[in-house]
Amino acid sequence: MSPPVATTVPATALVTGPPRSGKSTVLERTVDRLRADGWEVGGITAPEIRDDGDRVGFEIDAVGREGRATMAHVEYDGDPRVGKYGVDVDAIDRLTGVLESSIDDPAIDCVVIDEIAPMQLESERFRTATTRALDAPKPTLAAVADGSSGTLGAVKSRSDVAAFTVAPETRDELPDRLVERVREWA
């Protein structure tokens, strides 16, 4: 008789979709609903910086804790660069500490990463913390940039993740579906 085959149950929801599809908004609404239900959520987000309506950069922001820094900006010179943005890897490294502590903190019920994308992936510390979050037993919600190679491809091809694509017809229903999934995984 053969031993039973172990099945992997995803405890990570990857929110995917093209740029500006609403991935961050879906995660923000999901976090708001979880918090309204008494869940403690920790991690990091990457809100846009706008000047006169134009996107000029991105911050990296701690979820549920103090901490914020400019992660990338059009006015930053030097390397690394992602598109038109200069990236401050030191800022990413500093705020990744919030992600790491959220993974380890037993009071945190769910970890959020917005987003796993080329700018953040310039940081080795971020890449390591992201892998730890995906491997952790607590539920993780993450927005993932387009791409199918390197770290992005490895994250998307994991057998222990569930992918949810943001599209105009799914955008409004996704937060409820994600909250339901997180509750199942807890």
N, C-alpha and C. Protein backbone atom coordinates (compact mmCIF):
# COMPACT_ATOMS: atom_id res chain seq x y z
N MET A 1 0.84 -1.18 0.00
CA MET A 1 0.00 0.00 0.00
C MET A 1 0.89 1.24 0.00
N SER A 2 0.53 2.22 -0.80
CA SER A 2 1.30 3.45 -0.91
C SER A 2 0.95 4.39 0.22
N PRO A 3 1.94 5.18 0.68
CA PRO A 3 1.63 6.18 1.70
C PRO A 3 0.72 7.25 1.10
N PRO A 4 -0.08 7.92 1.94
CA PRO A 4 -0.94 8.98 1.41
C PRO A 4 -0.10 10.10 0.80
N VAL A 5 -0.62 10.69 -0.23
CA VAL A 5 0.06 11.79 -0.89
C VAL A 5 -0.34 13.08 -0.18
N ALA A 6 0.66 13.82 0.25
CA ALA A 6 0.41 15.10 0.92
C ALA A 6 -0.05 16.11 -0.11
N THR A 7 -1.05 16.87 0.23
CA THR A 7 -1.49 17.94 -0.65
C THR A 7 -1.15 19.27 0.01
N THR A 8 -0.81 20.21 -0.82
CA THR A 8 -0.46 21.53 -0.33
C THR A 8 -1.69 22.42 -0.40
N VAL A 9 -2.08 22.98 0.71
CA VAL A 9 -3.20 23.91 0.75
C VAL A 9 -2.62 25.31 0.76
N PRO A 10 -2.98 26.10 -0.23
CA PRO A 10 -2.43 27.45 -0.27
C PRO A 10 -2.85 28.25 0.95
N ALA A 11 -1.92 29.01 1.49
CA ALA A 11 -2.23 29.97 2.55
C ALA A 11 -1.84 31.36 2.09
N THR A 12 -1.60 31.49 0.78
CA THR A 12 -1.22 32.77 0.21
C THR A 12 -2.13 33.07 -0.97
N ALA A 13 -2.67 34.28 -0.98
CA ALA A 13 -3.46 34.75 -2.10
C ALA A 13 -2.64 35.77 -2.86
N LEU A 14 -2.39 35.49 -4.13
CA LEU A 14 -1.69 36.43 -5.00
C LEU A 14 -2.72 37.19 -5.81
N VAL A 15 -2.71 38.49 -5.70
CA VAL A 15 -3.59 39.34 -6.47
C VAL A 15 -2.79 39.80 -7.68
N THR A 16 -3.24 39.40 -8.85
CA THR A 16 -2.52 39.70 -10.08
C THR A 16 -3.37 40.58 -10.99
N GLY A 17 -2.72 41.12 -11.99
CA GLY A 17 -3.40 41.95 -12.97
C GLY A 17 -2.44 42.96 -13.53
N PRO A 18 -2.81 43.57 -14.64
CA PRO A 18 -1.92 44.55 -15.25
C PRO A 18 -1.78 45.80 -14.39
N PRO A 19 -0.77 46.62 -14.67
CA PRO A 19 -0.62 47.87 -13.93
C PRO A 19 -1.91 48.68 -13.97
N ARG A 20 -2.22 49.28 -12.83
CA ARG A 20 -3.40 50.15 -12.66
C ARG A 20 -4.72 49.40 -12.80
N SER A 21 -4.71 48.09 -12.59
CA SER A 21 -5.95 47.31 -12.65
C SER A 21 -6.73 47.38 -11.36
N GLY A 22 -6.08 47.80 -10.27
CA GLY A 22 -6.76 47.89 -8.99
C GLY A 22 -6.27 46.90 -7.95
N LYS A 23 -5.09 46.32 -8.16
CA LYS A 23 -4.55 45.33 -7.21
C LYS A 23 -4.42 45.94 -5.81
N SER A 24 -3.83 47.10 -5.72
CA SER A 24 -3.64 47.74 -4.41
C SER A 24 -4.97 48.09 -3.76
N THR A 25 -5.92 48.56 -4.55
CA THR A 25 -7.23 48.89 -4.01
C THR A 25 -7.92 47.65 -3.47
N VAL A 26 -7.83 46.55 -4.19
CA VAL A 26 -8.43 45.29 -3.73
C VAL A 26 -7.79 44.88 -2.40
N LEU A 27 -6.47 44.96 -2.29
CA LEU A 27 -5.82 44.59 -1.03
C LEU A 27 -6.21 45.54 0.08
N GLU A 28 -6.28 46.82 -0.19
CA GLU A 28 -6.65 47.81 0.82
C GLU A 28 -8.06 47.52 1.35
N ARG A 29 -8.99 47.24 0.47
CA ARG A 29 -10.36 46.93 0.89
C ARG A 29 -10.43 45.62 1.67
N THR A 30 -9.62 44.66 1.27
CA THR A 30 -9.58 43.38 1.99
C THR A 30 -9.05 43.59 3.40
N VAL A 31 -7.97 44.35 3.54
CA VAL A 31 -7.40 44.65 4.86
C VAL A 31 -8.43 45.38 5.72
N ASP A 32 -9.12 46.35 5.15
CA ASP A 32 -10.14 47.09 5.90
C ASP A 32 -11.22 46.14 6.43
N ARG A 33 -11.65 45.19 5.61
CA ARG A 33 -12.69 44.24 6.04
C ARG A 33 -12.17 43.29 7.10
N LEU A 34 -10.94 42.83 6.95
CA LEU A 34 -10.36 41.96 7.98
C LEU A 34 -10.26 42.70 9.30
N ARG A 35 -9.78 43.94 9.27
CA ARG A 35 -9.66 44.73 10.49
C ARG A 35 -11.03 44.97 11.13
N ALA A 36 -12.04 45.21 10.32
CA ALA A 36 -13.39 45.42 10.85
C ALA A 36 -13.90 44.18 11.57
N ASP A 37 -13.38 43.01 11.17
CA ASP A 37 -13.73 41.75 11.82
C ASP A 37 -12.81 41.41 12.99
N GLY A 38 -11.90 42.34 13.34
CA GLY A 38 -11.02 42.13 14.49
C GLY A 38 -9.69 41.47 14.18
N TRP A 39 -9.35 41.31 12.93
CA TRP A 39 -8.07 40.71 12.55
C TRP A 39 -6.96 41.75 12.67
N GLU A 40 -5.78 41.29 13.10
CA GLU A 40 -4.58 42.13 13.11
C GLU A 40 -3.81 41.84 11.82
N VAL A 41 -3.56 42.89 11.05
CA VAL A 41 -2.89 42.75 9.77
C VAL A 41 -1.61 43.56 9.81
N GLY A 42 -0.52 42.99 9.33
CA GLY A 42 0.76 43.68 9.27
C GLY A 42 1.43 43.44 7.94
N GLY A 43 2.41 44.26 7.62
CA GLY A 43 3.14 44.10 6.37
C GLY A 43 3.52 45.45 5.81
N ILE A 44 3.60 45.51 4.47
CA ILE A 44 4.00 46.74 3.80
C ILE A 44 3.17 46.98 2.55
N THR A 45 3.02 48.25 2.21
CA THR A 45 2.36 48.66 0.98
C THR A 45 3.26 49.64 0.23
N ALA A 46 2.90 49.92 -1.02
CA ALA A 46 3.70 50.82 -1.85
C ALA A 46 2.79 51.83 -2.55
N PRO A 47 2.28 52.81 -1.80
CA PRO A 47 1.41 53.80 -2.43
C PRO A 47 2.17 54.71 -3.40
N GLU A 48 1.45 55.17 -4.40
CA GLU A 48 2.03 56.07 -5.40
C GLU A 48 2.27 57.46 -4.80
N ILE A 49 3.24 58.15 -5.36
CA ILE A 49 3.46 59.57 -5.08
C ILE A 49 3.05 60.31 -6.35
N ARG A 50 2.15 61.25 -6.20
CA ARG A 50 1.66 61.99 -7.36
C ARG A 50 1.98 63.48 -7.21
N ASP A 51 2.26 64.11 -8.35
CA ASP A 51 2.51 65.55 -8.41
C ASP A 51 1.69 66.09 -9.58
N ASP A 52 0.72 66.94 -9.28
CA ASP A 52 -0.19 67.48 -10.30
C ASP A 52 -0.83 66.38 -11.14
N GLY A 53 -1.20 65.27 -10.48
CA GLY A 53 -1.87 64.18 -11.16
C GLY A 53 -0.96 63.17 -11.83
N ASP A 54 0.32 63.48 -11.92
CA ASP A 54 1.28 62.56 -12.55
C ASP A 54 1.96 61.71 -11.49
N ARG A 55 2.13 60.44 -11.78
CA ARG A 55 2.85 59.56 -10.87
C ARG A 55 4.34 59.85 -11.01
N VAL A 56 4.98 60.21 -9.87
CA VAL A 56 6.39 60.55 -9.89
C VAL A 56 7.23 59.62 -9.01
N GLY A 57 6.57 58.74 -8.28
CA GLY A 57 7.32 57.84 -7.43
C GLY A 57 6.42 56.94 -6.62
N PHE A 58 7.07 56.22 -5.68
CA PHE A 58 6.37 55.30 -4.79
C PHE A 58 6.97 55.38 -3.40
N GLU A 59 6.09 55.28 -2.43
CA GLU A 59 6.55 55.17 -1.05
C GLU A 59 6.53 53.69 -0.68
N ILE A 60 7.13 53.39 0.45
CA ILE A 60 6.97 52.08 1.06
C ILE A 60 6.48 52.39 2.47
N ASP A 61 5.37 51.76 2.85
CA ASP A 61 4.64 52.15 4.05
C ASP A 61 4.35 50.92 4.91
N ALA A 62 4.52 51.07 6.21
CA ALA A 62 4.22 50.00 7.15
C ALA A 62 2.72 49.91 7.37
N VAL A 63 2.18 48.70 7.35
CA VAL A 63 0.76 48.48 7.61
C VAL A 63 0.57 48.28 9.11
N GLY A 64 -0.23 49.15 9.70
CA GLY A 64 -0.54 49.01 11.12
C GLY A 64 0.56 49.42 12.07
N ARG A 65 1.62 50.00 11.56
CA ARG A 65 2.75 50.44 12.39
C ARG A 65 3.31 51.73 11.83
N GLU A 66 4.18 52.34 12.60
CA GLU A 66 4.84 53.56 12.14
C GLU A 66 5.95 53.18 11.16
N GLY A 67 6.07 53.95 10.12
CA GLY A 67 7.17 53.76 9.19
C GLY A 67 6.73 54.04 7.77
N ARG A 68 7.47 54.92 7.13
CA ARG A 68 7.18 55.28 5.74
C ARG A 68 8.45 55.90 5.16
N ALA A 69 8.71 55.60 3.90
CA ALA A 69 9.87 56.18 3.22
C ALA A 69 9.59 56.24 1.72
N THR A 70 10.28 57.11 1.04
CA THR A 70 10.20 57.14 -0.42
C THR A 70 11.08 56.02 -0.94
N MET A 71 10.46 55.12 -1.70
CA MET A 71 11.15 53.94 -2.23
C MET A 71 11.76 54.22 -3.61
N ALA A 72 11.04 54.98 -4.41
CA ALA A 72 11.49 55.25 -5.78
C ALA A 72 10.92 56.58 -6.23
N HIS A 73 11.71 57.28 -7.06
CA HIS A 73 11.25 58.59 -7.51
C HIS A 73 11.93 58.92 -8.84
N VAL A 74 11.22 59.70 -9.66
CA VAL A 74 11.79 60.10 -10.95
C VAL A 74 12.99 61.01 -10.78
N GLU A 75 13.07 61.72 -9.65
CA GLU A 75 14.17 62.65 -9.43
C GLU A 75 15.40 61.99 -8.83
N TYR A 76 15.31 60.72 -8.42
CA TYR A 76 16.49 60.03 -7.89
C TYR A 76 17.44 59.69 -9.02
N ASP A 77 18.70 60.07 -8.83
CA ASP A 77 19.73 59.73 -9.81
C ASP A 77 20.41 58.43 -9.40
N GLY A 78 21.10 57.86 -10.32
CA GLY A 78 21.90 56.68 -10.00
C GLY A 78 21.13 55.37 -10.14
N ASP A 79 21.79 54.34 -9.71
CA ASP A 79 21.27 52.98 -9.83
C ASP A 79 20.88 52.44 -8.47
N PRO A 80 20.02 51.48 -8.43
CA PRO A 80 19.35 50.85 -9.56
C PRO A 80 18.19 51.71 -10.07
N ARG A 81 17.81 51.44 -11.30
CA ARG A 81 16.68 52.12 -11.93
C ARG A 81 15.70 51.06 -12.40
N VAL A 82 14.43 51.36 -12.22
CA VAL A 82 13.36 50.54 -12.77
C VAL A 82 12.50 51.49 -13.58
N GLY A 83 12.57 51.35 -14.88
CA GLY A 83 11.90 52.29 -15.76
C GLY A 83 12.48 53.68 -15.54
N LYS A 84 11.61 54.65 -15.33
CA LYS A 84 12.07 56.03 -15.14
C LYS A 84 12.40 56.36 -13.69
N TYR A 85 12.27 55.38 -12.80
CA TYR A 85 12.43 55.61 -11.37
C TYR A 85 13.78 55.15 -10.84
N GLY A 86 14.43 56.02 -10.06
CA GLY A 86 15.57 55.61 -9.28
C GLY A 86 15.06 54.98 -8.00
N VAL A 87 15.67 53.87 -7.58
CA VAL A 87 15.18 53.09 -6.44
C VAL A 87 16.12 53.25 -5.25
N ASP A 88 15.55 53.53 -4.09
CA ASP A 88 16.30 53.64 -2.84
C ASP A 88 16.23 52.29 -2.12
N VAL A 89 17.20 51.44 -2.37
CA VAL A 89 17.21 50.09 -1.79
C VAL A 89 17.32 50.15 -0.27
N ASP A 90 18.04 51.15 0.26
CA ASP A 90 18.13 51.29 1.73
C ASP A 90 16.76 51.52 2.35
N ALA A 91 15.90 52.30 1.70
CA ALA A 91 14.54 52.53 2.21
C ALA A 91 13.74 51.24 2.21
N ILE A 92 13.87 50.47 1.15
CA ILE A 92 13.18 49.17 1.08
C ILE A 92 13.68 48.26 2.20
N ASP A 93 15.00 48.21 2.38
CA ASP A 93 15.57 47.37 3.44
C ASP A 93 15.04 47.77 4.82
N ARG A 94 14.99 49.07 5.09
CA ARG A 94 14.51 49.54 6.40
C ARG A 94 13.07 49.10 6.66
N LEU A 95 12.19 49.31 5.70
CA LEU A 95 10.78 49.00 5.89
C LEU A 95 10.50 47.50 5.78
N THR A 96 11.40 46.76 5.17
CA THR A 96 11.23 45.31 5.13
C THR A 96 11.29 44.73 6.54
N GLY A 97 11.94 45.45 7.45
CA GLY A 97 11.94 45.02 8.85
C GLY A 97 10.52 44.89 9.41
N VAL A 98 9.60 45.75 8.95
CA VAL A 98 8.19 45.67 9.37
C VAL A 98 7.57 44.38 8.84
N LEU A 99 7.88 44.04 7.61
CA LEU A 99 7.39 42.79 7.03
C LEU A 99 7.91 41.60 7.83
N GLU A 100 9.19 41.61 8.12
CA GLU A 100 9.80 40.51 8.90
C GLU A 100 9.16 40.38 10.27
N SER A 101 8.94 41.49 10.95
CA SER A 101 8.35 41.40 12.29
C SER A 101 6.89 40.98 12.21
N SER A 102 6.18 41.33 11.14
CA SER A 102 4.80 40.89 10.97
C SER A 102 4.72 39.38 10.80
N ILE A 103 5.68 38.81 10.11
CA ILE A 103 5.72 37.37 9.92
C ILE A 103 5.92 36.67 11.26
N ASP A 104 6.80 37.23 12.08
CA ASP A 104 7.17 36.60 13.35
C ASP A 104 6.23 36.90 14.50
N ASP A 105 5.47 37.97 14.42
CA ASP A 105 4.64 38.42 15.53
C ASP A 105 3.38 37.56 15.66
N PRO A 106 3.23 36.82 16.78
CA PRO A 106 2.04 35.97 16.93
C PRO A 106 0.74 36.76 17.01
N ALA A 107 0.80 38.06 17.28
CA ALA A 107 -0.40 38.88 17.34
C ALA A 107 -0.92 39.25 15.94
N ILE A 108 -0.08 39.12 14.92
CA ILE A 108 -0.48 39.42 13.55
C ILE A 108 -1.16 38.18 12.97
N ASP A 109 -2.39 38.36 12.51
CA ASP A 109 -3.18 37.26 11.96
C ASP A 109 -2.97 37.05 10.47
N CYS A 110 -2.59 38.10 9.77
CA CYS A 110 -2.47 38.05 8.31
C CYS A 110 -1.38 39.03 7.88
N VAL A 111 -0.56 38.61 6.92
CA VAL A 111 0.52 39.45 6.39
C VAL A 111 0.10 39.96 5.01
N VAL A 112 0.37 41.24 4.74
CA VAL A 112 0.08 41.81 3.43
C VAL A 112 1.37 42.35 2.82
N ILE A 113 1.55 42.09 1.52
CA ILE A 113 2.70 42.61 0.77
C ILE A 113 2.14 43.26 -0.49
N ASP A 114 2.22 44.56 -0.55
CA ASP A 114 1.76 45.29 -1.73
C ASP A 114 2.92 46.19 -2.18
N GLU A 115 3.70 45.72 -3.03
CA GLU A 115 3.53 44.61 -3.91
C GLU A 115 4.86 43.94 -4.16
N ILE A 116 4.82 42.76 -4.71
CA ILE A 116 6.04 42.06 -5.13
C ILE A 116 6.27 42.50 -6.57
N ALA A 117 7.25 43.37 -6.76
CA ALA A 117 7.46 44.00 -8.06
C ALA A 117 8.95 44.31 -8.25
N PRO A 118 9.36 44.65 -9.47
CA PRO A 118 10.78 44.88 -9.74
C PRO A 118 11.47 45.87 -8.82
N MET A 119 10.80 46.96 -8.42
CA MET A 119 11.45 47.93 -7.52
C MET A 119 11.81 47.28 -6.20
N GLN A 120 10.83 46.63 -5.57
CA GLN A 120 11.06 45.99 -4.28
C GLN A 120 12.08 44.86 -4.40
N LEU A 121 12.06 44.16 -5.52
CA LEU A 121 12.96 43.02 -5.71
C LEU A 121 14.41 43.43 -5.89
N GLU A 122 14.68 44.72 -5.98
CA GLU A 122 16.07 45.19 -5.98
C GLU A 122 16.72 44.93 -4.62
N SER A 123 15.92 44.70 -3.60
CA SER A 123 16.41 44.47 -2.24
C SER A 123 16.48 42.97 -1.94
N GLU A 124 17.66 42.50 -1.63
CA GLU A 124 17.83 41.09 -1.23
C GLU A 124 17.05 40.81 0.05
N ARG A 125 17.05 41.76 0.97
CA ARG A 125 16.32 41.58 2.22
C ARG A 125 14.82 41.41 1.95
N PHE A 126 14.27 42.19 1.02
CA PHE A 126 12.86 42.06 0.65
C PHE A 126 12.60 40.70 0.03
N ARG A 127 13.46 40.25 -0.88
CA ARG A 127 13.27 38.93 -1.52
C ARG A 127 13.24 37.83 -0.47
N THR A 128 14.16 37.89 0.48
CA THR A 128 14.21 36.87 1.54
C THR A 128 12.97 36.92 2.42
N ALA A 129 12.55 38.13 2.80
CA ALA A 129 11.36 38.27 3.65
C ALA A 129 10.10 37.81 2.91
N THR A 130 10.02 38.09 1.62
CA THR A 130 8.87 37.65 0.84
C THR A 130 8.78 36.13 0.83
N THR A 131 9.90 35.47 0.63
CA THR A 131 9.91 34.00 0.65
C THR A 131 9.48 33.49 2.02
N ARG A 132 9.97 34.12 3.09
CA ARG A 132 9.57 33.73 4.45
C ARG A 132 8.06 33.89 4.64
N ALA A 133 7.50 35.00 4.14
CA ALA A 133 6.05 35.23 4.27
C ALA A 133 5.26 34.17 3.52
N LEU A 134 5.71 33.84 2.32
CA LEU A 134 5.02 32.83 1.52
C LEU A 134 5.12 31.44 2.15
N ASP A 135 6.21 31.19 2.87
CA ASP A 135 6.41 29.89 3.53
C ASP A 135 5.76 29.82 4.91
N ALA A 136 5.39 30.95 5.47
CA ALA A 136 4.86 31.01 6.84
C ALA A 136 3.47 30.36 6.90
N PRO A 137 3.12 29.84 8.07
CA PRO A 137 1.80 29.21 8.21
C PRO A 137 0.64 30.19 8.28
N LYS A 138 0.90 31.47 8.54
CA LYS A 138 -0.22 32.41 8.62
C LYS A 138 -0.59 32.90 7.23
N PRO A 139 -1.85 33.28 7.04
CA PRO A 139 -2.29 33.75 5.73
C PRO A 139 -1.50 34.98 5.27
N THR A 140 -1.21 35.00 3.98
CA THR A 140 -0.51 36.12 3.35
C THR A 140 -1.29 36.57 2.13
N LEU A 141 -1.47 37.88 2.01
CA LEU A 141 -2.08 38.49 0.84
C LEU A 141 -0.99 39.30 0.14
N ALA A 142 -0.80 39.08 -1.15
CA ALA A 142 0.24 39.82 -1.87
C ALA A 142 -0.22 40.20 -3.26
N ALA A 143 0.06 41.44 -3.64
CA ALA A 143 -0.12 41.86 -5.03
C ALA A 143 1.18 41.54 -5.74
N VAL A 144 1.06 41.04 -6.96
CA VAL A 144 2.23 40.63 -7.73
C VAL A 144 2.19 41.30 -9.09
N ALA A 145 3.32 41.92 -9.45
CA ALA A 145 3.44 42.61 -10.73
C ALA A 145 3.42 41.61 -11.87
N ASP A 146 3.15 42.13 -13.06
CA ASP A 146 3.25 41.31 -14.26
C ASP A 146 4.68 40.81 -14.40
N GLY A 147 4.84 39.66 -14.98
CA GLY A 147 6.15 39.09 -15.22
C GLY A 147 6.12 37.60 -14.94
N SER A 148 6.92 36.87 -15.69
CA SER A 148 6.91 35.42 -15.51
C SER A 148 8.31 34.83 -15.40
N SER A 149 9.31 35.69 -15.23
CA SER A 149 10.67 35.17 -15.09
C SER A 149 11.24 35.58 -13.74
N GLY A 150 12.35 34.99 -13.39
CA GLY A 150 13.04 35.33 -12.15
C GLY A 150 12.18 35.12 -10.93
N THR A 151 12.32 36.03 -9.96
CA THR A 151 11.59 35.91 -8.70
C THR A 151 10.08 35.99 -8.92
N LEU A 152 9.63 36.87 -9.82
CA LEU A 152 8.19 36.98 -10.07
C LEU A 152 7.64 35.66 -10.60
N GLY A 153 8.34 35.05 -11.52
CA GLY A 153 7.90 33.76 -12.06
C GLY A 153 7.89 32.68 -11.00
N ALA A 154 8.92 32.69 -10.14
CA ALA A 154 9.00 31.68 -9.07
C ALA A 154 7.85 31.84 -8.09
N VAL A 155 7.50 33.07 -7.74
CA VAL A 155 6.39 33.32 -6.82
C VAL A 155 5.08 32.83 -7.44
N LYS A 156 4.85 33.20 -8.69
CA LYS A 156 3.59 32.85 -9.35
C LYS A 156 3.45 31.35 -9.61
N SER A 157 4.55 30.65 -9.74
CA SER A 157 4.48 29.23 -10.07
C SER A 157 4.46 28.32 -8.85
N ARG A 158 4.48 28.88 -7.65
CA ARG A 158 4.42 28.07 -6.44
C ARG A 158 3.11 27.29 -6.40
N SER A 159 3.18 26.06 -5.93
CA SER A 159 1.98 25.23 -5.86
C SER A 159 1.13 25.57 -4.63
N ASP A 160 1.66 26.34 -3.71
CA ASP A 160 0.94 26.63 -2.47
C ASP A 160 0.35 28.04 -2.44
N VAL A 161 0.07 28.60 -3.62
CA VAL A 161 -0.57 29.90 -3.69
C VAL A 161 -1.85 29.79 -4.52
N ALA A 162 -2.77 30.67 -4.24
CA ALA A 162 -3.99 30.80 -5.04
C ALA A 162 -3.96 32.17 -5.69
N ALA A 163 -4.16 32.21 -7.00
CA ALA A 163 -4.11 33.47 -7.74
C ALA A 163 -5.51 34.01 -7.98
N PHE A 164 -5.64 35.32 -7.81
CA PHE A 164 -6.90 36.03 -8.05
C PHE A 164 -6.59 37.19 -8.98
N THR A 165 -7.18 37.19 -10.16
CA THR A 165 -6.90 38.21 -11.16
C THR A 165 -7.89 39.36 -11.04
N VAL A 166 -7.35 40.57 -10.96
CA VAL A 166 -8.18 41.76 -10.92
C VAL A 166 -8.52 42.16 -12.35
N ALA A 167 -9.80 42.27 -12.60
CA ALA A 167 -10.32 42.73 -13.88
C ALA A 167 -11.56 43.57 -13.57
N PRO A 168 -12.02 44.37 -14.52
CA PRO A 168 -13.21 45.19 -14.23
C PRO A 168 -14.38 44.38 -13.68
N GLU A 169 -14.57 43.17 -14.17
CA GLU A 169 -15.70 42.37 -13.71
C GLU A 169 -15.46 41.67 -12.38
N THR A 170 -14.22 41.64 -11.87
CA THR A 170 -13.93 40.96 -10.60
C THR A 170 -13.52 41.93 -9.49
N ARG A 171 -13.18 43.15 -9.83
CA ARG A 171 -12.59 44.09 -8.88
C ARG A 171 -13.44 44.28 -7.62
N ASP A 172 -14.73 44.45 -7.77
CA ASP A 172 -15.58 44.75 -6.61
C ASP A 172 -15.85 43.53 -5.74
N GLU A 173 -15.86 42.35 -6.31
CA GLU A 173 -16.15 41.14 -5.53
C GLU A 173 -14.91 40.53 -4.88
N LEU A 174 -13.73 40.84 -5.37
CA LEU A 174 -12.51 40.21 -4.86
C LEU A 174 -12.25 40.41 -3.37
N PRO A 175 -12.44 41.60 -2.80
CA PRO A 175 -12.18 41.72 -1.36
C PRO A 175 -12.98 40.71 -0.53
N ASP A 176 -14.25 40.51 -0.85
CA ASP A 176 -15.05 39.53 -0.11
C ASP A 176 -14.52 38.11 -0.31
N ARG A 177 -14.15 37.77 -1.52
CA ARG A 177 -13.59 36.44 -1.79
C ARG A 177 -12.27 36.23 -1.04
N LEU A 178 -11.44 37.27 -1.00
CA LEU A 178 -10.16 37.16 -0.30
C LEU A 178 -10.36 37.02 1.20
N VAL A 179 -11.28 37.78 1.77
CA VAL A 179 -11.56 37.67 3.21
C VAL A 179 -12.03 36.25 3.52
N GLU A 180 -12.89 35.71 2.68
CA GLU A 180 -13.38 34.34 2.88
C GLU A 180 -12.22 33.34 2.85
N ARG A 181 -11.31 33.50 1.90
CA ARG A 181 -10.15 32.60 1.81
C ARG A 181 -9.27 32.71 3.04
N VAL A 182 -8.98 33.93 3.47
CA VAL A 182 -8.12 34.12 4.64
C VAL A 182 -8.75 33.45 5.86
N ARG A 183 -10.03 33.59 6.03
CA ARG A 183 -10.72 32.93 7.16
C ARG A 183 -10.58 31.41 7.08
N GLU A 184 -10.66 30.86 5.88
CA GLU A 184 -10.50 29.40 5.70
C GLU A 184 -9.10 28.94 6.10
N TRP A 185 -8.10 29.77 5.82
CA TRP A 185 -6.72 29.39 6.07
C TRP A 185 -6.30 29.56 7.52
N ALA A 186 -7.01 30.38 8.25
CA ALA A 186 -6.61 30.68 9.63
C ALA A 186 -6.85 29.50 10.55
